[in-house]
PDB file of N, CA and C in Angstrom:
ATOM      1  N   MET A   1       4.649  -7.230  -0.652  1.00  0.00           N
ATOM      2  CA  MET A   1       4.966  -7.698   0.672  1.00  0.00           C
ATOM      3  C   MET A   1       5.219  -6.574   1.690  1.00  0.00           C
ATOM      4  N   PRO A   2       5.723  -5.383   1.279  1.00  0.00           N
ATOM      5  CA  PRO A   2       5.955  -4.341   2.281  1.00  0.00           C
ATOM      6  C   PRO A   2       4.704  -3.975   3.082  1.00  0.00           C
ATOM      7  N   ALA A   3       3.543  -3.974   2.460  1.00  0.00           N
ATOM      8  CA  ALA A   3       2.313  -3.636   3.184  1.00  0.00           C
ATOM      9  C   ALA A   3       1.996  -4.691   4.226  1.00  0.00           C
ATOM     10  N   ARG A   4       2.104  -5.949   3.855  1.00  0.00           N
ATOM     11  CA  ARG A   4       1.818  -7.041   4.800  1.00  0.00           C
ATOM     12  C   ARG A   4       2.831  -7.026   5.944  1.00  0.00           C
ATOM     13  N   GLU A   5       4.090  -6.778   5.628  1.00  0.00           N
ATOM     14  CA  GLU A   5       5.124  -6.697   6.666  1.00  0.00           C
ATOM     15  C   GLU A   5       4.815  -5.568   7.642  1.00  0.00           C
ATOM     16  N   PHE A   6       4.354  -4.437   7.124  1.00  0.00           N
ATOM     17  CA  PHE A   6       3.992  -3.312   7.983  1.00  0.00           C
ATOM     18  C   PHE A   6       2.859  -3.701   8.923  1.00  0.00           C
ATOM     19  N   VAL A   7       1.801  -4.266   8.378  1.00  0.00           N
ATOM     20  CA  VAL A   7       0.645  -4.650   9.195  1.00  0.00           C
ATOM     21  C   VAL A   7       1.045  -5.705  10.225  1.00  0.00           C
ATOM     22  N   ASP A   8       1.858  -6.659   9.816  1.00  0.00           N
ATOM     23  CA  ASP A   8       2.296  -7.710  10.741  1.00  0.00           C
ATOM     24  C   ASP A   8       3.171  -7.167  11.874  1.00  0.00           C
ATOM     25  N   SER A   9       3.794  -6.007  11.660  1.00  0.00           N
ATOM     26  CA  SER A   9       4.654  -5.430  12.693  1.00  0.00           C
ATOM     27  C   SER A   9       3.863  -4.697  13.782  1.00  0.00           C
ATOM     28  N   LEU A  10       2.568  -4.479  13.539  1.00  0.00           N
ATOM     29  CA  LEU A  10       1.727  -3.741  14.483  1.00  0.00           C
ATOM     30  C   LEU A  10       1.134  -4.667  15.542  1.00  0.00           C
ATOM     31  N   ASP A  11       0.613  -4.056  16.615  1.00  0.00           N
ATOM     32  CA  ASP A  11      -0.096  -4.845  17.620  1.00  0.00           C
ATOM     33  C   ASP A  11      -1.386  -5.385  16.996  1.00  0.00           C
ATOM     34  N   ASP A  12      -1.987  -6.377  17.628  1.00  0.00           N
ATOM     35  CA  ASP A  12      -3.147  -7.072  17.053  1.00  0.00           C
ATOM     36  C   ASP A  12      -4.325  -6.149  16.764  1.00  0.00           C
ATOM     37  N   LYS A  13      -4.616  -5.217  17.670  1.00  0.00           N
ATOM     38  CA  LYS A  13      -5.765  -4.329  17.473  1.00  0.00           C
ATOM     39  C   LYS A  13      -5.557  -3.382  16.293  1.00  0.00           C
ATOM     40  N   ALA A  14      -4.363  -2.821  16.178  1.00  0.00           N
ATOM     41  CA  ALA A  14      -4.071  -1.918  15.055  1.00  0.00           C
ATOM     42  C   ALA A  14      -4.089  -2.694  13.743  1.00  0.00           C
ATOM     43  N   ALA A  15      -3.507  -3.883  13.733  1.00  0.00           N
ATOM     44  CA  ALA A  15      -3.491  -4.713  12.525  1.00  0.00           C
ATOM     45  C   ALA A  15      -4.915  -5.081  12.111  1.00  0.00           C
ATOM     46  N   ALA A  16      -5.745  -5.422  13.068  1.00  0.00           N
ATOM     47  CA  ALA A  16      -7.135  -5.777  12.769  1.00  0.00           C
ATOM     48  C   ALA A  16      -7.892  -4.578  12.201  1.00  0.00           C
ATOM     49  N   ARG A  17      -7.627  -3.408  12.720  1.00  0.00           N
ATOM     50  CA  ARG A  17      -8.291  -2.190  12.230  1.00  0.00           C
ATOM     51  C   ARG A  17      -7.904  -1.915  10.773  1.00  0.00           C
ATOM     52  N   ILE A  18      -6.616  -2.036  10.476  1.00  0.00           N
ATOM     53  CA  ILE A  18      -6.159  -1.821   9.105  1.00  0.00           C
ATOM     54  C   ILE A  18      -6.745  -2.881   8.178  1.00  0.00           C
ATOM     55  N   ASP A  19      -6.724  -4.129   8.606  1.00  0.00           N
ATOM     56  CA  ASP A  19      -7.308  -5.199   7.787  1.00  0.00           C
ATOM     57  C   ASP A  19      -8.787  -4.944   7.522  1.00  0.00           C
ATOM     58  N   ALA A  20      -9.512  -4.425   8.506  1.00  0.00           N
ATOM     59  CA  ALA A  20     -10.937  -4.122   8.327  1.00  0.00           C
ATOM     60  C   ALA A  20     -11.123  -3.014   7.288  1.00  0.00           C
ATOM     61  N   PHE A  21     -10.273  -1.999   7.312  1.00  0.00           N
ATOM     62  CA  PHE A  21     -10.375  -0.924   6.336  1.00  0.00           C
ATOM     63  C   PHE A  21      -9.981  -1.397   4.943  1.00  0.00           C
ATOM     64  N   VAL A  22      -9.000  -2.266   4.865  1.00  0.00           N
ATOM     65  CA  VAL A  22      -8.624  -2.836   3.563  1.00  0.00           C
ATOM     66  C   VAL A  22      -9.786  -3.655   3.007  1.00  0.00           C
ATOM     67  N   GLU A  23     -10.488  -4.367   3.867  1.00  0.00           N
ATOM     68  CA  GLU A  23     -11.662  -5.123   3.434  1.00  0.00           C
ATOM     69  C   GLU A  23     -12.753  -4.173   2.932  1.00  0.00           C
ATOM     70  N   ARG A  24     -12.951  -3.064   3.612  1.00  0.00           N
ATOM     71  CA  ARG A  24     -13.918  -2.062   3.134  1.00  0.00           C
ATOM     72  C   ARG A  24     -13.516  -1.536   1.760  1.00  0.00           C
ATOM     73  N   LEU A  25     -12.229  -1.299   1.597  1.00  0.00           N
ATOM     74  CA  LEU A  25     -11.714  -0.837   0.317  1.00  0.00           C
ATOM     75  C   LEU A  25     -11.986  -1.881  -0.763  1.00  0.00           C
ATOM     76  N   ARG A  26     -11.816  -3.148  -0.424  1.00  0.00           N
ATOM     77  CA  ARG A  26     -12.084  -4.221  -1.378  1.00  0.00           C
ATOM     78  C   ARG A  26     -13.557  -4.223  -1.791  1.00  0.00           C
ATOM     79  N   VAL A  27     -14.435  -4.028  -0.829  1.00  0.00           N
ATOM     80  CA  VAL A  27     -15.872  -4.061  -1.102  1.00  0.00           C
ATOM     81  C   VAL A  27     -16.330  -2.826  -1.873  1.00  0.00           C
ATOM     82  N   TYR A  28     -15.905  -1.637  -1.437  1.00  0.00           N
ATOM     83  CA  TYR A  28     -16.412  -0.390  -2.020  1.00  0.00           C
ATOM     84  C   TYR A  28     -15.542   0.171  -3.142  1.00  0.00           C
ATOM     85  N   GLY A  29     -14.275  -0.232  -3.209  1.00  0.00           N
ATOM     86  CA  GLY A  29     -13.391   0.239  -4.268  1.00  0.00           C
ATOM     87  C   GLY A  29     -13.336   1.742  -4.350  1.00  0.00           C
ATOM     88  N   ASN A  30     -13.431   2.271  -5.562  1.00  0.00           N
ATOM     89  CA  ASN A  30     -13.315   3.716  -5.736  1.00  0.00           C
ATOM     90  C   ASN A  30     -14.569   4.477  -5.307  1.00  0.00           C
ATOM     91  N   ARG A  31     -15.552   3.781  -4.741  1.00  0.00           N
ATOM     92  CA  ARG A  31     -16.744   4.447  -4.196  1.00  0.00           C
ATOM     93  C   ARG A  31     -16.609   4.699  -2.698  1.00  0.00           C
ATOM     94  N   MET A  32     -15.477   4.353  -2.119  1.00  0.00           N
ATOM     95  CA  MET A  32     -15.282   4.559  -0.682  1.00  0.00           C
ATOM     96  C   MET A  32     -15.235   6.047  -0.391  1.00  0.00           C
ATOM     97  N   GLN A  33     -15.751   6.455   0.756  1.00  0.00           N
ATOM     98  CA  GLN A  33     -15.855   7.871   1.129  1.00  0.00           C
ATOM     99  C   GLN A  33     -14.518   8.584   1.068  1.00  0.00           C
ATOM    100  N   GLY A  34     -14.571   9.845   0.648  1.00  0.00           N
ATOM    101  CA  GLY A  34     -13.381  10.664   0.495  1.00  0.00           C
ATOM    102  C   GLY A  34     -12.578  10.883   1.761  1.00  0.00           C
ATOM    103  N   LYS A  35     -13.223  10.823   2.919  1.00  0.00           N
ATOM    104  CA  LYS A  35     -12.447  11.053   4.142  1.00  0.00           C
ATOM    105  C   LYS A  35     -11.518   9.873   4.457  1.00  0.00           C
ATOM    106  N   PHE A  36     -11.725   8.744   3.807  1.00  0.00           N
ATOM    107  CA  PHE A  36     -10.880   7.572   4.029  1.00  0.00           C
ATOM    108  C   PHE A  36      -9.850   7.355   2.927  1.00  0.00           C
ATOM    109  N   VAL A  37     -10.127   7.857   1.741  1.00  0.00           N
ATOM    110  CA  VAL A  37      -9.246   7.646   0.598  1.00  0.00           C
ATOM    111  C   VAL A  37      -8.888   8.987  -0.027  1.00  0.00           C
ATOM    112  N   LYS A  38      -7.602   9.163  -0.300  1.00  0.00           N
ATOM    113  CA  LYS A  38      -7.123  10.398  -0.916  1.00  0.00           C
ATOM    114  C   LYS A  38      -6.213  10.043  -2.081  1.00  0.00           C
ATOM    115  N   LYS A  39      -6.386  10.735  -3.192  1.00  0.00           N
ATOM    116  CA  LYS A  39      -5.527  10.534  -4.357  1.00  0.00           C
ATOM    117  C   LYS A  39      -4.259  11.359  -4.163  1.00  0.00           C
ATOM    118  N   LEU A  40      -3.094  10.690  -4.225  1.00  0.00           N
ATOM    119  CA  LEU A  40      -1.823  11.378  -4.011  1.00  0.00           C
ATOM    120  C   LEU A  40      -1.138  11.748  -5.319  1.00  0.00           C
ATOM    121  N   THR A  41      -1.179  10.830  -6.288  1.00  0.00           N
ATOM    122  CA  THR A  41      -0.601  11.066  -7.615  1.00  0.00           C
ATOM    123  C   THR A  41      -1.598  10.532  -8.642  1.00  0.00           C
ATOM    124  N   ASP A  42      -1.200  10.524  -9.897  1.00  0.00           N
ATOM    125  CA  ASP A  42      -2.087   9.975 -10.926  1.00  0.00           C
ATOM    126  C   ASP A  42      -2.443   8.521 -10.649  1.00  0.00           C
ATOM    127  N   ASN A  43      -1.535   7.781 -10.026  1.00  0.00           N
ATOM    128  CA  ASN A  43      -1.725   6.347  -9.834  1.00  0.00           C
ATOM    129  C   ASN A  43      -1.827   5.891  -8.383  1.00  0.00           C
ATOM    130  N   ILE A  44      -1.309   6.662  -7.461  1.00  0.00           N
ATOM    131  CA  ILE A  44      -1.202   6.228  -6.063  1.00  0.00           C
ATOM    132  C   ILE A  44      -2.273   6.896  -5.207  1.00  0.00           C
ATOM    133  N   PHE A  45      -2.909   6.071  -4.376  1.00  0.00           N
ATOM    134  CA  PHE A  45      -3.942   6.528  -3.453  1.00  0.00           C
ATOM    135  C   PHE A  45      -3.527   6.163  -2.032  1.00  0.00           C
ATOM    136  N   GLU A  46      -4.151   6.855  -1.074  1.00  0.00           N
ATOM    137  CA  GLU A  46      -3.840   6.655   0.335  1.00  0.00           C
ATOM    138  C   GLU A  46      -5.120   6.280   1.074  1.00  0.00           C
ATOM    139  N   LEU A  47      -5.080   5.180   1.787  1.00  0.00           N
ATOM    140  CA  LEU A  47      -6.182   4.766   2.656  1.00  0.00           C
ATOM    141  C   LEU A  47      -5.846   5.252   4.056  1.00  0.00           C
ATOM    142  N   ARG A  48      -6.735   6.027   4.662  1.00  0.00           N
ATOM    143  CA  ARG A  48      -6.496   6.612   5.986  1.00  0.00           C
ATOM    144  C   ARG A  48      -7.193   5.775   7.047  1.00  0.00           C
ATOM    145  N   VAL A  49      -6.428   5.359   8.029  1.00  0.00           N
ATOM    146  CA  VAL A  49      -6.965   4.533   9.113  1.00  0.00           C
ATOM    147  C   VAL A  49      -6.552   5.166  10.439  1.00  0.00           C
ATOM    148  N   LYS A  50      -7.543   5.401  11.287  1.00  0.00           N
ATOM    149  CA  LYS A  50      -7.263   5.986  12.603  1.00  0.00           C
ATOM    150  C   LYS A  50      -7.659   4.984  13.675  1.00  0.00           C
ATOM    151  N   GLN A  51      -6.760   4.812  14.639  1.00  0.00           N
ATOM    152  CA  GLN A  51      -7.063   3.957  15.783  1.00  0.00           C
ATOM    153  C   GLN A  51      -6.651   4.725  17.041  1.00  0.00           C
ATOM    154  N   PHE A  52      -7.628   5.179  17.762  1.00  0.00           N
ATOM    155  CA  PHE A  52      -7.408   6.027  18.931  1.00  0.00           C
ATOM    156  C   PHE A  52      -6.574   7.238  18.540  1.00  0.00           C
ATOM    157  N   ASP A  53      -5.385   7.400  19.112  1.00  0.00           N
ATOM    158  CA  ASP A  53      -4.561   8.569  18.805  1.00  0.00           C
ATOM    159  C   ASP A  53      -3.517   8.285  17.727  1.00  0.00           C
ATOM    160  N   ARG A  54      -3.548   7.090  17.156  1.00  0.00           N
ATOM    161  CA  ARG A  54      -2.584   6.741  16.103  1.00  0.00           C
ATOM    162  C   ARG A  54      -3.259   6.809  14.736  1.00  0.00           C
ATOM    163  N   ILE A  55      -2.490   7.283  13.763  1.00  0.00           N
ATOM    164  CA  ILE A  55      -2.989   7.405  12.404  1.00  0.00           C
ATOM    165  C   ILE A  55      -2.073   6.591  11.491  1.00  0.00           C
ATOM    166  N   PHE A  56      -2.684   5.725  10.686  1.00  0.00           N
ATOM    167  CA  PHE A  56      -1.937   4.881   9.766  1.00  0.00           C
ATOM    168  C   PHE A  56      -2.340   5.226   8.341  1.00  0.00           C
ATOM    169  N   ARG A  57      -1.416   5.008   7.417  1.00  0.00           N
ATOM    170  CA  ARG A  57      -1.673   5.207   6.000  1.00  0.00           C
ATOM    171  C   ARG A  57      -1.252   3.945   5.257  1.00  0.00           C
ATOM    172  N   VAL A  58      -2.116   3.533   4.338  1.00  0.00           N
ATOM    173  CA  VAL A  58      -1.823   2.391   3.479  1.00  0.00           C
ATOM    174  C   VAL A  58      -1.913   2.907   2.049  1.00  0.00           C
ATOM    175  N   LEU A  59      -0.828   2.765   1.288  1.00  0.00           N
ATOM    176  CA  LEU A  59      -0.796   3.253  -0.080  1.00  0.00           C
ATOM    177  C   LEU A  59      -1.150   2.123  -1.042  1.00  0.00           C
ATOM    178  N   PHE A  60      -1.872   2.470  -2.105  1.00  0.00           N
ATOM    179  CA  PHE A  60      -2.318   1.451  -3.054  1.00  0.00           C
ATOM    180  C   PHE A  60      -2.567   2.079  -4.413  1.00  0.00           C
ATOM    181  N   PHE A  61      -2.827   1.216  -5.405  1.00  0.00           N
ATOM    182  CA  PHE A  61      -3.224   1.683  -6.726  1.00  0.00           C
ATOM    183  C   PHE A  61      -4.268   0.733  -7.290  1.00  0.00           C
ATOM    184  N   TYR A  62      -5.032   1.248  -8.248  1.00  0.00           N
ATOM    185  CA  TYR A  62      -6.067   0.467  -8.921  1.00  0.00           C
ATOM    186  C   TYR A  62      -5.514  -0.069 -10.232  1.00  0.00           C
ATOM    187  N   GLN A  63      -5.965  -1.252 -10.620  1.00  0.00           N
ATOM    188  CA  GLN A  63      -5.664  -1.825 -11.923  1.00  0.00           C
ATOM    189  C   GLN A  63      -6.982  -2.199 -12.592  1.00  0.00           C
ATOM    190  N   PRO A  64      -6.994  -2.269 -13.917  1.00  0.00           N
ATOM    191  CA  PRO A  64      -8.242  -2.633 -14.611  1.00  0.00           C
ATOM    192  C   PRO A  64      -8.823  -3.936 -14.069  1.00  0.00           C
ATOM    193  N   GLY A  65     -10.143  -4.032 -14.105  1.00  0.00           N
ATOM    194  CA  GLY A  65     -10.816  -5.224 -13.604  1.00  0.00           C
ATOM    195  C   GLY A  65     -11.097  -5.144 -12.120  1.00  0.00           C
ATOM    196  N   MET A  66     -11.123  -3.908 -11.577  1.00  0.00           N
ATOM    197  CA  MET A  66     -11.421  -3.694 -10.156  1.00  0.00           C
ATOM    198  C   MET A  66     -10.396  -4.344  -9.223  1.00  0.00           C
ATOM    199  N   LEU A  67      -9.158  -4.421  -9.665  1.00  0.00           N
ATOM    200  CA  LEU A  67      -8.089  -4.967  -8.838  1.00  0.00           C
ATOM    201  C   LEU A  67      -7.436  -3.823  -8.069  1.00  0.00           C
ATOM    202  N   ILE A  68      -7.275  -4.006  -6.764  1.00  0.00           N
ATOM    203  CA  ILE A  68      -6.616  -3.017  -5.915  1.00  0.00           C
ATOM    204  C   ILE A  68      -5.327  -3.651  -5.409  1.00  0.00           C
ATOM    205  N   VAL A  69      -4.206  -2.985  -5.650  1.00  0.00           N
ATOM    206  CA  VAL A  69      -2.902  -3.507  -5.236  1.00  0.00           C
ATOM    207  C   VAL A  69      -2.355  -2.605  -4.138  1.00  0.00           C
ATOM    208  N   ILE A  70      -2.152  -3.174  -2.967  1.00  0.00           N
ATOM    209  CA  ILE A  70      -1.644  -2.426  -1.822  1.00  0.00           C
ATOM    210  C   ILE A  70      -0.125  -2.512  -1.834  1.00  0.00           C
ATOM    211  N   THR A  71       0.519  -1.344  -1.783  1.00  0.00           N
ATOM    212  CA  THR A  71       1.967  -1.312  -1.921  1.00  0.00           C
ATOM    213  C   THR A  71       2.698  -1.256  -0.587  1.00  0.00           C
ATOM    214  N   SER A  72       2.243  -0.402   0.315  1.00  0.00           N
ATOM    215  CA  SER A  72       2.989  -0.205   1.562  1.00  0.00           C
ATOM    216  C   SER A  72       2.126   0.499   2.592  1.00  0.00           C
ATOM    217  N   GLY A  73       2.655   0.583   3.792  1.00  0.00           N
ATOM    218  CA  GLY A  73       1.949   1.263   4.868  1.00  0.00           C
ATOM    219  C   GLY A  73       2.930   1.893   5.827  1.00  0.00           C
ATOM    220  N   PHE A  74       2.447   2.853   6.608  1.00  0.00           N
ATOM    221  CA  PHE A  74       3.294   3.517   7.593  1.00  0.00           C
ATOM    222  C   PHE A  74       2.407   4.205   8.613  1.00  0.00           C
ATOM    223  N   GLN A  75       3.010   4.541   9.751  1.00  0.00           N
ATOM    224  CA  GLN A  75       2.287   5.301  10.761  1.00  0.00           C
ATOM    225  C   GLN A  75       2.553   6.769  10.497  1.00  0.00           C
ATOM    226  N   LYS A  76       1.492   7.540  10.424  1.00  0.00           N
ATOM    227  CA  LYS A  76       1.611   8.961  10.099  1.00  0.00           C
ATOM    228  C   LYS A  76       2.137   9.731  11.297  1.00  0.00           C
ATOM    229  N   LYS A  77       3.169  10.546  11.037  1.00  0.00           N
ATOM    230  CA  LYS A  77       3.747  11.362  12.096  1.00  0.00           C
ATOM    231  C   LYS A  77       3.854  12.824  11.698  1.00  0.00           C
ATOM    232  N   THR A  78       3.575  13.130  10.428  1.00  0.00           N
ATOM    233  CA  THR A  78       3.632  14.508   9.937  1.00  0.00           C
ATOM    234  C   THR A  78       2.333  14.839   9.213  1.00  0.00           C
ATOM    235  N   GLN A  79       2.121  16.113   8.940  1.00  0.00           N
ATOM    236  CA  GLN A  79       0.897  16.555   8.273  1.00  0.00           C
ATOM    237  C   GLN A  79       0.803  16.008   6.849  1.00  0.00           C
ATOM    238  N   GLU A  80       1.896  16.091   6.104  1.00  0.00           N
ATOM    239  CA  GLU A  80       1.930  15.640   4.711  1.00  0.00           C
ATOM    240  C   GLU A  80       2.429  14.202   4.619  1.00  0.00           C
ATOM    241  N   THR A  81       1.976  13.500   3.581  1.00  0.00           N
ATOM    242  CA  THR A  81       2.505  12.165   3.319  1.00  0.00           C
ATOM    243  C   THR A  81       3.945  12.328   2.853  1.00  0.00           C
ATOM    244  N   PRO A  82       4.891  11.626   3.491  1.00  0.00           N
ATOM    245  CA  PRO A  82       6.301  11.782   3.106  1.00  0.00           C
ATOM    246  C   PRO A  82       6.524  11.441   1.630  1.00  0.00           C
ATOM    247  N   PRO A  83       7.207  12.321   0.895  1.00  0.00           N
ATOM    248  CA  PRO A  83       7.485  12.047  -0.522  1.00  0.00           C
ATOM    249  C   PRO A  83       8.202  10.713  -0.742  1.00  0.00           C
ATOM    250  N   SER A  84       9.024  10.312   0.226  1.00  0.00           N
ATOM    251  CA  SER A  84       9.737   9.035   0.081  1.00  0.00           C
ATOM    252  C   SER A  84       8.765   7.852   0.077  1.00  0.00           C
ATOM    253  N   GLU A  85       7.683   7.951   0.837  1.00  0.00           N
ATOM    254  CA  GLU A  85       6.676   6.889   0.852  1.00  0.00           C
ATOM    255  C   GLU A  85       5.921   6.838  -0.472  1.00  0.00           C
ATOM    256  N   ILE A  86       5.625   7.999  -1.037  1.00  0.00           N
ATOM    257  CA  ILE A  86       4.943   8.054  -2.330  1.00  0.00           C
ATOM    258  C   ILE A  86       5.854   7.488  -3.411  1.00  0.00           C
ATOM    259  N   ALA A  87       7.133   7.874  -3.388  1.00  0.00           N
ATOM    260  CA  ALA A  87       8.094   7.368  -4.374  1.00  0.00           C
ATOM    261  C   ALA A  87       8.238   5.847  -4.258  1.00  0.00           C
ATOM    262  N   ARG A  88       8.257   5.352  -3.035  1.00  0.00           N
ATOM    263  CA  ARG A  88       8.345   3.904  -2.822  1.00  0.00           C
ATOM    264  C   ARG A  88       7.120   3.201  -3.405  1.00  0.00           C
ATOM    265  N   ALA A  89       5.937   3.758  -3.191  1.00  0.00           N
ATOM    266  CA  ALA A  89       4.710   3.172  -3.746  1.00  0.00           C
ATOM    267  C   ALA A  89       4.758   3.185  -5.270  1.00  0.00           C
ATOM    268  N   GLU A  90       5.252   4.264  -5.852  1.00  0.00           N
ATOM    269  CA  GLU A  90       5.379   4.336  -7.315  1.00  0.00           C
ATOM    270  C   GLU A  90       6.341   3.268  -7.829  1.00  0.00           C
ATOM    271  N   GLN A  91       7.448   3.065  -7.117  1.00  0.00           N
ATOM    272  CA  GLN A  91       8.411   2.035  -7.516  1.00  0.00           C
ATOM    273  C   GLN A  91       7.786   0.645  -7.427  1.00  0.00           C
ATOM    274  N   LEU A  92       7.052   0.393  -6.366  1.00  0.00           N
ATOM    275  CA  LEU A  92       6.394  -0.905  -6.219  1.00  0.00           C
ATOM    276  C   LEU A  92       5.324  -1.101  -7.290  1.00  0.00           C
ATOM    277  N   ARG A  93       4.649  -0.031  -7.670  1.00  0.00           N
ATOM    278  CA  ARG A  93       3.673  -0.118  -8.758  1.00  0.00           C
ATOM    279  C   ARG A  93       4.363  -0.507 -10.056  1.00  0.00           C
ATOM    280  N   LYS A  94       5.485   0.137 -10.356  1.00  0.00           N
ATOM    281  CA  LYS A  94       6.243  -0.192 -11.569  1.00  0.00           C
ATOM    282  C   LYS A  94       6.678  -1.654 -11.551  1.00  0.00           C
ATOM    283  N   LEU A  95       7.124  -2.113 -10.406  1.00  0.00           N
ATOM    284  CA  LEU A  95       7.529  -3.513 -10.254  1.00  0.00           C
ATOM    285  C   LEU A  95       6.353  -4.434 -10.525  1.00  0.00           C
ATOM    286  N   TRP A  96       5.200  -4.119  -9.956  1.00  0.00           N
ATOM    287  CA  TRP A  96       4.021  -4.952 -10.133  1.00  0.00           C
ATOM    288  C   TRP A  96       3.592  -4.979 -11.600  1.00  0.00           C
ATOM    289  N   VAL A  97       3.550  -3.825 -12.244  1.00  0.00           N
ATOM    290  CA  VAL A  97       3.143  -3.744 -13.649  1.00  0.00           C
ATOM    291  C   VAL A  97       4.101  -4.559 -14.524  1.00  0.00           C
ATOM    292  N   ARG A  98       5.363  -4.470 -14.224  1.00  0.00           N
ATOM    293  CA  ARG A  98       6.367  -5.163 -15.042  1.00  0.00           C
ATOM    294  C   ARG A  98       6.342  -6.673 -14.858  1.00  0.00           C
ATOM    295  N   TYR A  99       6.115  -7.132 -13.629  1.00  0.00           N
ATOM    296  CA  TYR A  99       6.247  -8.562 -13.329  1.00  0.00           C
ATOM    297  C   TYR A  99       4.944  -9.242 -12.915  1.00  0.00           C
ATOM    298  N   ARG A 100       3.812  -8.598 -13.065  1.00  0.00           N
ATOM    299  CA  ARG A 100       2.553  -9.122 -12.527  1.00  0.00           C
ATOM    300  C   ARG A 100       2.154 -10.484 -13.079  1.00  0.00           C
ATOM    301  N   ASN A 101       2.519 -10.794 -14.280  1.00  0.00           N
ATOM    302  CA  ASN A 101       2.141 -12.081 -14.862  1.00  0.00           C
ATOM    303  C   ASN A 101       3.244 -13.118 -14.756  1.00  0.00           C
ATOM    304  N   ARG A 102       4.266 -12.809 -13.995  1.00  0.00           N
ATOM    305  CA  ARG A 102       5.393 -13.725 -13.893  1.00  0.00           C
ATOM    306  C   ARG A 102       5.847 -13.822 -12.441  1.00  0.00           C
ATOM    307  N   TYR A 103       5.619 -14.954 -11.842  1.00  0.00           N
ATOM    308  CA  TYR A 103       6.054 -15.162 -10.468  1.00  0.00           C
ATOM    309  C   TYR A 103       7.434 -15.789 -10.482  1.00  0.00           C
ATOM    310  N   THR A 104       8.322 -15.245  -9.714  1.00  0.00           N
ATOM    311  CA  THR A 104       9.652 -15.823  -9.613  1.00  0.00           C
ATOM    312  C   THR A 104       9.797 -16.545  -8.289  1.00  0.00           C
ATOM    313  N   GLY A 105      10.172 -17.791  -8.355  1.00  0.00           N
ATOM    314  CA  GLY A 105      10.391 -18.570  -7.153  1.00  0.00           C
ATOM    315  C   GLY A 105      11.815 -18.458  -6.660  1.00  0.00           C
ATOM    316  N   SER A 106      12.656 -17.820  -7.446  1.00  0.00           N
ATOM    317  CA  SER A 106      14.077 -17.714  -7.129  1.00  0.00           C
ATOM    318  C   SER A 106      14.349 -16.516  -6.226  1.00  0.00           C
ATOM    319  N   GLN A 107      14.940 -16.760  -5.084  1.00  0.00           N
ATOM    320  CA  GLN A 107      15.297 -15.679  -4.155  1.00  0.00           C
ATOM    321  C   GLN A 107      16.299 -14.740  -4.822  1.00  0.00           C
ATOM    322  N   LYS A 108      17.227 -15.299  -5.586  1.00  0.00           N
ATOM    323  CA  LYS A 108      18.241 -14.491  -6.258  1.00  0.00           C
ATOM    324  C   LYS A 108      17.592 -13.537  -7.267  1.00  0.00           C
ATOM    325  N   GLU A 109      16.619 -14.037  -8.031  1.00  0.00           N
ATOM    326  CA  GLU A 109      15.941 -13.196  -9.006  1.00  0.00           C
ATOM    327  C   GLU A 109      15.114 -12.112  -8.323  1.00  0.00           C
ATOM    328  N   ARG A 110      14.433 -12.465  -7.212  1.00  0.00           N
ATOM    329  CA  ARG A 110      13.664 -11.456  -6.466  1.00  0.00           C
ATOM    330  C   ARG A 110      14.581 -10.351  -5.963  1.00  0.00           C
ATOM    331  N   GLU A 111      15.741 -10.730  -5.428  1.00  0.00           N
ATOM    332  CA  GLU A 111      16.691  -9.733  -4.931  1.00  0.00           C
ATOM    333  C   GLU A 111      17.188  -8.836  -6.055  1.00  0.00           C
ATOM    334  N   ALA A 112      17.420  -9.409  -7.249  1.00  0.00           N
ATOM    335  CA  ALA A 112      17.868  -8.621  -8.388  1.00  0.00           C
ATOM    336  C   ALA A 112      16.791  -7.609  -8.804  1.00  0.00           C
ATOM    337  N   ILE A 113      15.522  -8.027  -8.780  1.00  0.00           N
ATOM    338  CA  ILE A 113      14.420  -7.138  -9.136  1.00  0.00           C
ATOM    339  C   ILE A 113      14.314  -5.998  -8.136  1.00  0.00           C
ATOM    340  N   LEU A 114      14.390  -6.317  -6.847  1.00  0.00           N
ATOM    341  CA  LEU A 114      14.305  -5.277  -5.821  1.00  0.00           C
ATOM    342  C   LEU A 114      15.493  -4.325  -5.895  1.00  0.00           C
ATOM    343  N   LYS A 115      16.677  -4.865  -6.185  1.00  0.00           N
ATOM    344  CA  LYS A 115      17.866  -4.017  -6.320  1.00  0.00           C
ATOM    345  C   LYS A 115      17.716  -3.067  -7.496  1.00  0.00           C
ATOM    346  N   GLU A 116      17.153  -3.592  -8.599  1.00  0.00           N
ATOM    347  CA  GLU A 116      16.902  -2.776  -9.783  1.00  0.00           C
ATOM    348  C   GLU A 116      16.021  -1.581  -9.451  1.00  0.00           C
ATOM    349  N   LEU A 117      15.076  -1.776  -8.573  1.00  0.00           N
ATOM    350  CA  LEU A 117      14.164  -0.705  -8.191  1.00  0.00           C
ATOM    351  C   LEU A 117      14.669   0.130  -7.025  1.00  0.00           C
ATOM    352  N   GLY A 118      15.797  -0.257  -6.461  1.00  0.00           N
ATOM    353  CA  GLY A 118      16.350   0.492  -5.340  1.00  0.00           C
ATOM    354  C   GLY A 118      15.615   0.254  -4.039  1.00  0.00           C
ATOM    355  N   LEU A 119      15.007  -0.931  -3.884  1.00  0.00           N
ATOM    356  CA  LEU A 119      14.248  -1.250  -2.661  1.00  0.00           C
ATOM    357  C   LEU A 119      15.028  -2.199  -1.785  1.00  0.00           C
TER     358      LEU A 119
END
C-alpha cells in the first residue's frame, strides 16, 4: 500500500506518468532498459520516472513467476537513493514474503504486522 499511497498523493499528471512506467515494467519486466531500472540490492530495484523537472523513484522486487511487487515510492531530492528508503523496501519485501499467501482482514492484525516490521 505505501506505493499506491505515494502515487495517490501526487498531482494527476505525475501519477499518470508513474502508472504508465509501472505498466511498462509489467510488460517488459527485467528486459526494461537500464536507464529506467537500477538494481539497488540483491532483491530491491528502482524504477526511475522523470516528469519535467521532477524525478520520482518507485522501489520494487521480482518474485518467481514473473511477479513484480512494488513496495514504495518517493520524489528524488538527492543524488543517491536514501538508505532509509531501501531499508523500508527490504522490510516490505520481508513482510510480503512472510504473509503473501495469507490475507488478514483484521485491522488489529495488520497493525501488529506493521509494528513488528517497524513501519
